[in-house]
Amino acid sequence: MPQIIMRTLAEIPAGTTVTVSHLDSHPDTCNRLREFGFCENATIRCVSNGSSQLICEVCNTRVGLNYTTANAIVVLPSHE
């Protein structure tokens, strides 16, 4: 059985599509991320992974995140 590698959204290169596994942060932060669409099993596409922030697309909306927040979003490779 192949090993599934979990990474954080901050580690994902631009152009990659992933699926949210879970959120690993303070409950208030997790709730706010879910309001933006970063729910478990949501599909996320990394648009840009620059030096100071990450831009991703979730629910057909582009969202900019700092790396502290992006590190709280644990993702898996997408099956799309």
PDB file of N, CA and C in Angstrom:
ATOM      1  N   MET A   1       0.848  -1.180   0.000  1.00  0.00           N
ATOM      2  CA  MET A   1       0.000   0.000   0.000  1.00  0.00           C
ATOM      3  C   MET A   1       0.892   1.240   0.000  1.00  0.00           C
ATOM      4  N   PRO A   2       0.658   2.178  -0.936  1.00  0.00           N
ATOM      5  CA  PRO A   2       1.497   3.373  -0.984  1.00  0.00           C
ATOM      6  C   PRO A   2       1.278   4.268   0.227  1.00  0.00           C
ATOM      7  N   GLN A   3       2.366   4.884   0.662  1.00  0.00           N
ATOM      8  CA  GLN A   3       2.305   5.781   1.810  1.00  0.00           C
ATOM      9  C   GLN A   3       1.759   7.143   1.365  1.00  0.00           C
ATOM     10  N   ILE A   4       0.817   7.680   2.123  1.00  0.00           N
ATOM     11  CA  ILE A   4       0.251   8.997   1.838  1.00  0.00           C
ATOM     12  C   ILE A   4       1.049  10.025   2.619  1.00  0.00           C
ATOM     13  N   ILE A   5       1.556  11.024   1.900  1.00  0.00           N
ATOM     14  CA  ILE A   5       2.376  12.049   2.525  1.00  0.00           C
ATOM     15  C   ILE A   5       1.537  13.299   2.754  1.00  0.00           C
ATOM     16  N   MET A   6       1.406  13.682   4.024  1.00  0.00           N
ATOM     17  CA  MET A   6       0.698  14.907   4.367  1.00  0.00           C
ATOM     18  C   MET A   6       1.697  16.038   4.443  1.00  0.00           C
ATOM     19  N   ARG A   7       1.312  17.173   3.891  1.00  0.00           N
ATOM     20  CA  ARG A   7       2.129  18.374   3.922  1.00  0.00           C
ATOM     21  C   ARG A   7       1.229  19.532   4.316  1.00  0.00           C
ATOM     22  N   THR A   8       1.833  20.670   4.581  1.00  0.00           N
ATOM     23  CA  THR A   8       1.017  21.853   4.842  1.00  0.00           C
ATOM     24  C   THR A   8       0.873  22.633   3.545  1.00  0.00           C
ATOM     25  N   LEU A   9      -0.130  23.486   3.498  1.00  0.00           N
ATOM     26  CA  LEU A   9      -0.369  24.285   2.301  1.00  0.00           C
ATOM     27  C   LEU A   9       0.836  25.172   1.990  1.00  0.00           C
ATOM     28  N   ALA A  10       1.568  25.605   3.003  1.00  0.00           N
ATOM     29  CA  ALA A  10       2.747  26.452   2.798  1.00  0.00           C
ATOM     30  C   ALA A  10       3.842  25.743   2.002  1.00  0.00           C
ATOM     31  N   GLU A  11       3.850  24.420   2.002  1.00  0.00           N
ATOM     32  CA  GLU A  11       4.886  23.639   1.322  1.00  0.00           C
ATOM     33  C   GLU A  11       4.543  23.292  -0.125  1.00  0.00           C
ATOM     34  N   ILE A  12       3.370  23.666  -0.578  1.00  0.00           N
ATOM     35  CA  ILE A  12       2.887  23.250  -1.891  1.00  0.00           C
ATOM     36  C   ILE A  12       3.374  24.223  -2.972  1.00  0.00           C
ATOM     37  N   PRO A  13       3.965  23.703  -4.041  1.00  0.00           N
ATOM     38  CA  PRO A  13       4.412  24.597  -5.113  1.00  0.00           C
ATOM     39  C   PRO A  13       3.245  25.153  -5.931  1.00  0.00           C
ATOM     40  N   ALA A  14       3.473  26.296  -6.545  1.00  0.00           N
ATOM     41  CA  ALA A  14       2.458  26.918  -7.398  1.00  0.00           C
ATOM     42  C   ALA A  14       2.044  25.954  -8.504  1.00  0.00           C
ATOM     43  N   GLY A  15       0.749  25.971  -8.812  1.00  0.00           N
ATOM     44  CA  GLY A  15       0.203  25.116  -9.859  1.00  0.00           C
ATOM     45  C   GLY A  15      -0.280  23.766  -9.373  1.00  0.00           C
ATOM     46  N   THR A  16      -0.090  23.470  -8.107  1.00  0.00           N
ATOM     47  CA  THR A  16      -0.476  22.184  -7.538  1.00  0.00           C
ATOM     48  C   THR A  16      -1.877  22.250  -6.940  1.00  0.00           C
ATOM     49  N   THR A  17      -2.647  21.191  -7.139  1.00  0.00           N
ATOM     50  CA  THR A  17      -3.979  21.086  -6.540  1.00  0.00           C
ATOM     51  C   THR A  17      -3.922  20.035  -5.435  1.00  0.00           C
ATOM     52  N   VAL A  18      -4.477  20.380  -4.283  1.00  0.00           N
ATOM     53  CA  VAL A  18      -4.462  19.495  -3.114  1.00  0.00           C
ATOM     54  C   VAL A  18      -5.851  19.455  -2.477  1.00  0.00           C
ATOM     55  N   THR A  19      -6.020  18.544  -1.537  1.00  0.00           N
ATOM     56  CA  THR A  19      -7.252  18.415  -0.770  1.00  0.00           C
ATOM     57  C   THR A  19      -6.935  18.642   0.702  1.00  0.00           C
ATOM     58  N   VAL A  20      -7.765  19.412   1.384  1.00  0.00           N
ATOM     59  CA  VAL A  20      -7.545  19.678   2.806  1.00  0.00           C
ATOM     60  C   VAL A  20      -7.824  18.408   3.606  1.00  0.00           C
ATOM     61  N   SER A  21      -6.852  17.995   4.406  1.00  0.00           N
ATOM     62  CA  SER A  21      -7.012  16.851   5.302  1.00  0.00           C
ATOM     63  C   SER A  21      -7.633  17.322   6.621  1.00  0.00           C
ATOM     64  N   HIS A  22      -6.974  18.290   7.247  1.00  0.00           N
ATOM     65  CA  HIS A  22      -7.481  18.847   8.498  1.00  0.00           C
ATOM     66  C   HIS A  22      -6.787  20.174   8.783  1.00  0.00           C
ATOM     67  N   LEU A  23      -7.310  20.895   9.748  1.00  0.00           N
ATOM     68  CA  LEU A  23      -6.748  22.169  10.179  1.00  0.00           C
ATOM     69  C   LEU A  23      -6.099  21.975  11.533  1.00  0.00           C
ATOM     70  N   ASP A  24      -4.920  22.560  11.705  1.00  0.00           N
ATOM     71  CA  ASP A  24      -4.146  22.357  12.925  1.00  0.00           C
ATOM     72  C   ASP A  24      -3.787  23.718  13.521  1.00  0.00           C
ATOM     73  N   SER A  25      -4.759  24.332  14.185  1.00  0.00           N
ATOM     74  CA  SER A  25      -4.553  25.657  14.763  1.00  0.00           C
ATOM     75  C   SER A  25      -5.537  25.868  15.910  1.00  0.00           C
ATOM     76  N   HIS A  26      -5.529  27.071  16.456  1.00  0.00           N
ATOM     77  CA  HIS A  26      -6.473  27.457  17.497  1.00  0.00           C
ATOM     78  C   HIS A  26      -7.893  27.315  16.945  1.00  0.00           C
ATOM     79  N   PRO A  27      -8.853  26.881  17.742  1.00  0.00           N
ATOM     80  CA  PRO A  27     -10.230  26.697  17.244  1.00  0.00           C
ATOM     81  C   PRO A  27     -10.820  27.927  16.557  1.00  0.00           C
ATOM     82  N   ASP A  28     -10.528  29.127  17.052  1.00  0.00           N
ATOM     83  CA  ASP A  28     -11.050  30.337  16.407  1.00  0.00           C
ATOM     84  C   ASP A  28     -10.470  30.505  15.000  1.00  0.00           C
ATOM     85  N   THR A  29      -9.178  30.224  14.858  1.00  0.00           N
ATOM     86  CA  THR A  29      -8.533  30.306  13.542  1.00  0.00           C
ATOM     87  C   THR A  29      -9.109  29.251  12.605  1.00  0.00           C
ATOM     88  N   CYS A  30      -9.302  28.042  13.105  1.00  0.00           N
ATOM     89  CA  CYS A  30      -9.881  26.966  12.288  1.00  0.00           C
ATOM     90  C   CYS A  30     -11.281  27.343  11.811  1.00  0.00           C
ATOM     91  N   ASN A  31     -12.074  27.903  12.696  1.00  0.00           N
ATOM     92  CA  ASN A  31     -13.429  28.313  12.308  1.00  0.00           C
ATOM     93  C   ASN A  31     -13.390  29.393  11.236  1.00  0.00           C
ATOM     94  N   ARG A  32     -12.482  30.346  11.371  1.00  0.00           N
ATOM     95  CA  ARG A  32     -12.371  31.425  10.382  1.00  0.00           C
ATOM     96  C   ARG A  32     -11.927  30.867   9.024  1.00  0.00           C
ATOM     97  N   LEU A  33     -10.968  29.933   9.035  1.00  0.00           N
ATOM     98  CA  LEU A  33     -10.534  29.307   7.790  1.00  0.00           C
ATOM     99  C   LEU A  33     -11.684  28.556   7.116  1.00  0.00           C
ATOM    100  N   ARG A  34     -12.492  27.869   7.909  1.00  0.00           N
ATOM    101  CA  ARG A  34     -13.651  27.165   7.341  1.00  0.00           C
ATOM    102  C   ARG A  34     -14.639  28.144   6.716  1.00  0.00           C
ATOM    103  N   GLU A  35     -14.793  29.325   7.313  1.00  0.00           N
ATOM    104  CA  GLU A  35     -15.677  30.348   6.739  1.00  0.00           C
ATOM    105  C   GLU A  35     -15.193  30.779   5.356  1.00  0.00           C
ATOM    106  N   PHE A  36     -13.877  30.750   5.138  1.00  0.00           N
ATOM    107  CA  PHE A  36     -13.302  31.104   3.845  1.00  0.00           C
ATOM    108  C   PHE A  36     -13.353  29.952   2.849  1.00  0.00           C
ATOM    109  N   GLY A  37     -13.733  28.750   3.310  1.00  0.00           N
ATOM    110  CA  GLY A  37     -13.831  27.607   2.414  1.00  0.00           C
ATOM    111  C   GLY A  37     -12.764  26.549   2.617  1.00  0.00           C
ATOM    112  N   PHE A  38     -11.859  26.759   3.570  1.00  0.00           N
ATOM    113  CA  PHE A  38     -10.796  25.788   3.833  1.00  0.00           C
ATOM    114  C   PHE A  38     -11.316  24.686   4.761  1.00  0.00           C
ATOM    115  N   CYS A  39     -12.318  23.965   4.298  1.00  0.00           N
ATOM    116  CA  CYS A  39     -12.945  22.893   5.068  1.00  0.00           C
ATOM    117  C   CYS A  39     -12.252  21.570   4.752  1.00  0.00           C
ATOM    118  N   GLU A  40     -12.399  20.613   5.640  1.00  0.00           N
ATOM    119  CA  GLU A  40     -11.883  19.293   5.388  1.00  0.00           C
ATOM    120  C   GLU A  40     -12.486  18.773   4.069  1.00  0.00           C
ATOM    121  N   ASN A  41     -11.649  18.181   3.242  1.00  0.00           N
ATOM    122  CA  ASN A  41     -11.986  17.627   1.923  1.00  0.00           C
ATOM    123  C   ASN A  41     -12.175  18.677   0.838  1.00  0.00           C
ATOM    124  N   ALA A  42     -11.964  19.959   1.137  1.00  0.00           N
ATOM    125  CA  ALA A  42     -12.047  21.009   0.114  1.00  0.00           C
ATOM    126  C   ALA A  42     -10.851  20.891  -0.829  1.00  0.00           C
ATOM    127  N   THR A  43     -11.075  21.219  -2.092  1.00  0.00           N
ATOM    128  CA  THR A  43     -10.004  21.224  -3.085  1.00  0.00           C
ATOM    129  C   THR A  43      -9.409  22.623  -3.165  1.00  0.00           C
ATOM    130  N   ILE A  44      -8.086  22.706  -3.078  1.00  0.00           N
ATOM    131  CA  ILE A  44      -7.363  23.964  -3.078  1.00  0.00           C
ATOM    132  C   ILE A  44      -6.328  23.923  -4.203  1.00  0.00           C
ATOM    133  N   ARG A  45      -6.230  25.013  -4.956  1.00  0.00           N
ATOM    134  CA  ARG A  45      -5.178  25.120  -5.974  1.00  0.00           C
ATOM    135  C   ARG A  45      -4.236  26.237  -5.569  1.00  0.00           C
ATOM    136  N   CYS A  46      -2.953  25.924  -5.484  1.00  0.00           N
ATOM    137  CA  CYS A  46      -1.943  26.919  -5.147  1.00  0.00           C
ATOM    138  C   CYS A  46      -1.642  27.723  -6.409  1.00  0.00           C
ATOM    139  N   VAL A  47      -1.939  29.014  -6.385  1.00  0.00           N
ATOM    140  CA  VAL A  47      -1.724  29.891  -7.528  1.00  0.00           C
ATOM    141  C   VAL A  47      -0.309  30.451  -7.502  1.00  0.00           C
ATOM    142  N   SER A  48       0.142  30.885  -6.335  1.00  0.00           N
ATOM    143  CA  SER A  48       1.462  31.495  -6.194  1.00  0.00           C
ATOM    144  C   SER A  48       2.001  31.202  -4.801  1.00  0.00           C
ATOM    145  N   ASN A  49       3.255  30.843  -4.735  1.00  0.00           N
ATOM    146  CA  ASN A  49       3.892  30.597  -3.453  1.00  0.00           C
ATOM    147  C   ASN A  49       5.156  31.440  -3.421  1.00  0.00           C
ATOM    148  N   GLY A  50       5.005  32.694  -3.012  1.00  0.00           N
ATOM    149  CA  GLY A  50       6.099  33.661  -3.034  1.00  0.00           C
ATOM    150  C   GLY A  50       6.877  33.710  -1.743  1.00  0.00           C
ATOM    151  N   SER A  51       7.668  34.761  -1.587  1.00  0.00           N
ATOM    152  CA  SER A  51       8.553  34.867  -0.428  1.00  0.00           C
ATOM    153  C   SER A  51       7.839  35.319   0.836  1.00  0.00           C
ATOM    154  N   SER A  52       6.709  36.018   0.692  1.00  0.00           N
ATOM    155  CA  SER A  52       6.053  36.525   1.895  1.00  0.00           C
ATOM    156  C   SER A  52       4.624  36.031   2.073  1.00  0.00           C
ATOM    157  N   GLN A  53       4.005  35.536   1.011  1.00  0.00           N
ATOM    158  CA  GLN A  53       2.640  35.028   1.146  1.00  0.00           C
ATOM    159  C   GLN A  53       2.347  33.980   0.086  1.00  0.00           C
ATOM    160  N   LEU A  54       1.261  33.298   0.293  1.00  0.00           N
ATOM    161  CA  LEU A  54       0.796  32.262  -0.611  1.00  0.00           C
ATOM    162  C   LEU A  54      -0.574  32.682  -1.122  1.00  0.00           C
ATOM    163  N   ILE A  55      -0.810  32.526  -2.409  1.00  0.00           N
ATOM    164  CA  ILE A  55      -2.127  32.803  -2.971  1.00  0.00           C
ATOM    165  C   ILE A  55      -2.682  31.491  -3.478  1.00  0.00           C
ATOM    166  N   CYS A  56      -3.887  31.173  -3.039  1.00  0.00           N
ATOM    167  CA  CYS A  56      -4.508  29.930  -3.473  1.00  0.00           C
ATOM    168  C   CYS A  56      -5.953  30.192  -3.884  1.00  0.00           C
ATOM    169  N   GLU A  57      -6.501  29.222  -4.573  1.00  0.00           N
ATOM    170  CA  GLU A  57      -7.882  29.328  -5.030  1.00  0.00           C
ATOM    171  C   GLU A  57      -8.705  28.260  -4.319  1.00  0.00           C
ATOM    172  N   VAL A  58      -9.762  28.717  -3.656  1.00  0.00           N
ATOM    173  CA  VAL A  58     -10.675  27.832  -2.946  1.00  0.00           C
ATOM    174  C   VAL A  58     -12.089  28.317  -3.234  1.00  0.00           C
ATOM    175  N   CYS A  59     -12.974  27.427  -3.595  1.00  0.00           N
ATOM    176  CA  CYS A  59     -14.365  27.783  -3.916  1.00  0.00           C
ATOM    177  C   CYS A  59     -14.431  28.879  -4.984  1.00  0.00           C
ATOM    178  N   ASN A  60     -13.589  28.762  -6.016  1.00  0.00           N
ATOM    179  CA  ASN A  60     -13.531  29.721  -7.124  1.00  0.00           C
ATOM    180  C   ASN A  60     -13.181  31.138  -6.690  1.00  0.00           C
ATOM    181  N   THR A  61     -12.512  31.285  -5.555  1.00  0.00           N
ATOM    182  CA  THR A  61     -12.079  32.580  -5.044  1.00  0.00           C
ATOM    183  C   THR A  61     -10.601  32.512  -4.690  1.00  0.00           C
ATOM    184  N   ARG A  62      -9.856  33.541  -5.068  1.00  0.00           N
ATOM    185  CA  ARG A  62      -8.439  33.592  -4.699  1.00  0.00           C
ATOM    186  C   ARG A  62      -8.292  34.228  -3.322  1.00  0.00           C
ATOM    187  N   VAL A  63      -7.467  33.585  -2.501  1.00  0.00           N
ATOM    188  CA  VAL A  63      -7.257  34.021  -1.126  1.00  0.00           C
ATOM    189  C   VAL A  63      -5.757  34.096  -0.876  1.00  0.00           C
ATOM    190  N   GLY A  64      -5.299  35.190  -0.265  1.00  0.00           N
ATOM    191  CA  GLY A  64      -3.908  35.326   0.143  1.00  0.00           C
ATOM    192  C   GLY A  64      -3.761  34.949   1.604  1.00  0.00           C
ATOM    193  N   LEU A  65      -2.751  34.145   1.901  1.00  0.00           N
ATOM    194  CA  LEU A  65      -2.499  33.696   3.275  1.00  0.00           C
ATOM    195  C   LEU A  65      -1.041  33.952   3.631  1.00  0.00           C
ATOM    196  N   ASN A  66      -0.794  34.287   4.893  1.00  0.00           N
ATOM    197  CA  ASN A  66       0.593  34.333   5.339  1.00  0.00           C
ATOM    198  C   ASN A  66       1.034  32.894   5.645  1.00  0.00           C
ATOM    199  N   TYR A  67       2.330  32.697   5.800  1.00  0.00           N
ATOM    200  CA  TYR A  67       2.845  31.333   5.968  1.00  0.00           C
ATOM    201  C   TYR A  67       2.462  30.705   7.297  1.00  0.00           C
ATOM    202  N   THR A  68       2.275  31.501   8.337  1.00  0.00           N
ATOM    203  CA  THR A  68       1.835  30.934   9.619  1.00  0.00           C
ATOM    204  C   THR A  68       0.466  30.286   9.458  1.00  0.00           C
ATOM    205  N   THR A  69      -0.430  30.973   8.784  1.00  0.00           N
ATOM    206  CA  THR A  69      -1.774  30.433   8.559  1.00  0.00           C
ATOM    207  C   THR A  69      -1.725  29.252   7.599  1.00  0.00           C
ATOM    208  N   ALA A  70      -0.961  29.372   6.531  1.00  0.00           N
ATOM    209  CA  ALA A  70      -0.862  28.282   5.549  1.00  0.00           C
ATOM    210  C   ALA A  70      -0.272  27.016   6.175  1.00  0.00           C
ATOM    211  N   ASN A  71       0.589  27.175   7.172  1.00  0.00           N
ATOM    212  CA  ASN A  71       1.155  26.004   7.856  1.00  0.00           C
ATOM    213  C   ASN A  71       0.136  25.292   8.732  1.00  0.00           C
ATOM    214  N   ALA A  72      -0.972  25.926   9.020  1.00  0.00           N
ATOM    215  CA  ALA A  72      -2.023  25.309   9.834  1.00  0.00           C
ATOM    216  C   ALA A  72      -2.980  24.471   8.995  1.00  0.00           C
ATOM    217  N   ILE A  73      -2.834  24.509   7.665  1.00  0.00           N
ATOM    218  CA  ILE A  73      -3.726  23.775   6.766  1.00  0.00           C
ATOM    219  C   ILE A  73      -2.974  22.553   6.245  1.00  0.00           C
ATOM    220  N   VAL A  74      -3.340  21.385   6.745  1.00  0.00           N
ATOM    221  CA  VAL A  74      -2.675  20.135   6.366  1.00  0.00           C
ATOM    222  C   VAL A  74      -3.406  19.568   5.157  1.00  0.00           C
ATOM    223  N   VAL A  75      -2.632  19.239   4.111  1.00  0.00           N
ATOM    224  CA  VAL A  75      -3.220  18.829   2.841  1.00  0.00           C
ATOM    225  C   VAL A  75      -2.682  17.491   2.363  1.00  0.00           C
ATOM    226  N   LEU A  76      -3.417  16.908   1.449  1.00  0.00           N
ATOM    227  CA  LEU A  76      -3.049  15.655   0.781  1.00  0.00           C
ATOM    228  C   LEU A  76      -3.066  15.887  -0.715  1.00  0.00           C
ATOM    229  N   PRO A  77      -2.357  15.060  -1.483  1.00  0.00           N
ATOM    230  CA  PRO A  77      -2.456  15.186  -2.941  1.00  0.00           C
ATOM    231  C   PRO A  77      -3.900  15.021  -3.383  1.00  0.00           C
ATOM    232  N   SER A  78      -4.297  15.819  -4.371  1.00  0.00           N
ATOM    233  CA  SER A  78      -5.674  15.759  -4.873  1.00  0.00           C
ATOM    234  C   SER A  78      -5.828  14.587  -5.824  1.00  0.00           C
ATOM    235  N   HIS A  79      -7.030  14.035  -5.869  1.00  0.00           N
ATOM    236  CA  HIS A  79      -7.327  12.921  -6.762  1.00  0.00           C
ATOM    237  C   HIS A  79      -8.074  13.386  -8.002  1.00  0.00           C
ATOM    238  N   GLU A  80      -8.005  14.687  -8.306  1.00  0.00           N
ATOM    239  CA  GLU A  80      -8.692  15.219  -9.485  1.00  0.00           C
ATOM    240  C   GLU A  80      -7.786  15.200 -10.673  1.00  0.00           C
TER     241      GLU A  80
END
